[in-house]
Protein backbone atom coordinates (compact mmCIF):
# COMPACT_ATOMS: atom_id res chain seq x y z
CA MET A 1 48.70 -16.04 39.40
CA ASN A 2 48.67 -12.27 39.75
CA THR A 3 52.29 -11.19 40.20
CA ALA A 4 51.38 -7.86 41.79
CA ALA A 5 49.36 -9.55 44.54
CA LEU A 6 52.13 -12.07 45.08
CA HIS A 7 54.64 -9.24 45.31
CA GLU A 8 52.56 -7.48 47.95
CA LYS A 9 52.15 -10.66 50.00
CA LEU A 10 55.86 -11.40 49.91
CA ILE A 11 56.83 -7.86 50.85
CA SER A 12 54.37 -7.70 53.74
CA ALA A 13 55.57 -11.08 55.04
CA ALA A 14 59.20 -9.95 54.78
CA ARG A 15 58.56 -6.70 56.63
CA ARG A 16 57.06 -8.55 59.58
CA GLN A 17 60.24 -10.60 60.03
CA ASP A 18 63.54 -9.30 61.39
CA PRO A 19 66.35 -9.50 58.84
CA ASP A 20 68.58 -12.53 59.22
CA LYS A 21 72.33 -12.17 58.96
CA ARG A 22 72.60 -15.37 56.88
CA VAL A 23 70.56 -14.00 53.96
CA PRO A 24 72.81 -13.03 51.02
CA TYR A 25 72.97 -9.47 49.77
CA ALA A 26 70.11 -8.52 47.35
CA PHE A 27 68.46 -11.91 47.73
CA GLU A 28 64.99 -10.39 47.51
CA LYS A 29 65.92 -8.57 44.31
CA ARG A 30 66.95 -11.86 42.67
CA ILE A 31 63.77 -13.61 43.79
CA MET A 32 61.57 -10.79 42.56
CA ALA A 33 63.42 -10.76 39.22
CA LEU A 34 62.75 -14.50 38.85
CA ILE A 35 59.06 -14.04 39.62
CA ALA A 36 58.76 -11.17 37.15
CA SER A 37 60.60 -13.07 34.41
CA ARG A 38 58.15 -15.99 34.45
CA ALA A 39 55.89 -15.75 31.43
CA VAL A 40 52.17 -16.27 31.86
CA ALA A 41 50.99 -19.25 29.80
CA ASP A 42 48.73 -18.08 26.99
CA ARG A 43 45.90 -20.46 26.11
CA TRP A 44 46.00 -19.54 22.43
CA VAL A 45 49.68 -20.41 22.19
CA VAL A 46 49.08 -23.81 23.76
CA TRP A 47 46.16 -24.56 21.44
CA SER A 48 47.93 -23.37 18.30
CA SER A 49 51.05 -25.41 19.02
CA GLY A 50 48.93 -28.50 19.58
CA LEU A 51 46.98 -27.94 16.38
CA TRP A 52 50.18 -27.44 14.36
CA ARG A 53 51.55 -30.72 15.72
CA ALA A 54 48.32 -32.45 14.73
CA ALA A 55 48.47 -30.92 11.25
CA VAL A 56 52.02 -32.15 10.77
CA SER A 57 50.96 -35.63 11.86
CA CYS A 58 48.04 -35.65 9.42
CA VAL A 59 50.28 -34.57 6.55
CA ALA A 60 52.77 -37.31 7.41
CA VAL A 61 50.03 -39.95 7.43
CA ALA A 62 48.66 -38.67 4.11
CA VAL A 63 52.13 -38.82 2.52
CA VAL A 64 52.68 -42.38 3.76
CA PHE A 65 49.32 -43.59 2.44
CA GLY A 66 49.78 -41.72 -0.85
CA ALA A 67 53.18 -43.34 -1.34
CA ALA A 68 51.69 -46.74 -0.51
CA VAL A 69 48.96 -46.31 -3.11
CA LEU A 70 51.43 -45.27 -5.79
CA LEU A 71 54.20 -47.76 -5.02
CA LEU A 72 52.35 -50.92 -4.06
CA PRO A 73 51.21 -53.13 -6.94
CA SER A 74 47.52 -53.05 -7.74
CA SER A 75 45.39 -56.16 -7.57
CA ALA A 76 44.46 -58.18 -10.67
CA ASN A 77 40.82 -57.13 -10.33
CA SER A 78 41.48 -53.50 -11.20
CA SER A 79 39.36 -53.58 -14.38
CA LYS A 80 36.11 -53.11 -12.42
CA ASP A 81 34.69 -49.65 -12.27
CA LEU A 82 34.11 -48.79 -8.62
CA SER A 83 31.82 -45.88 -9.42
CA GLN A 84 29.39 -48.16 -11.27
CA ASP A 85 29.36 -50.67 -8.41
CA PHE A 86 28.70 -47.85 -5.95
CA GLU A 87 25.86 -46.43 -8.06
CA ASN A 88 24.25 -49.86 -8.55
CA THR A 89 24.36 -50.48 -4.82
CA LEU A 90 22.76 -47.15 -3.98
CA LEU A 91 20.07 -47.44 -6.61
CA ALA A 92 19.29 -51.13 -6.04
CA SER A 93 16.14 -50.42 -4.03
CA VAL A 94 14.91 -47.85 -6.57
CA ASP A 95 15.34 -50.19 -9.55
CA GLN A 96 13.32 -53.02 -8.02
CA PRO A 97 9.66 -53.23 -9.11
CA ASP A 98 7.04 -52.42 -6.51
CA ASN A 99 5.27 -55.76 -5.81
CA SER A 100 3.14 -54.48 -2.92
CA SER A 101 0.51 -52.94 -5.21
CA MET A 102 -0.22 -56.20 -7.02
CA PRO A 103 -3.22 -58.23 -5.77
């Protein structure tokens, strides 16, 4: 909210009213100081704080999984080469002979 417009609205409303004897001394000064001291929320600050929290969470998850991979015992079937299995799976359709051209 625009603090200058709010200030003008409050001052004009106060000038229309007669002063009350129950209002403490310099009450309006304290209220205006509170309004002026409120910081305007910056969108970039909100986004950056959220992204830093997410980055910290991702690093924590990566550390936990990295520790699990290093500390947990490996299975007995660790002698297989995963890269060869992956390549054979991808190239399986290319390696098959083309039977559609035969009569």
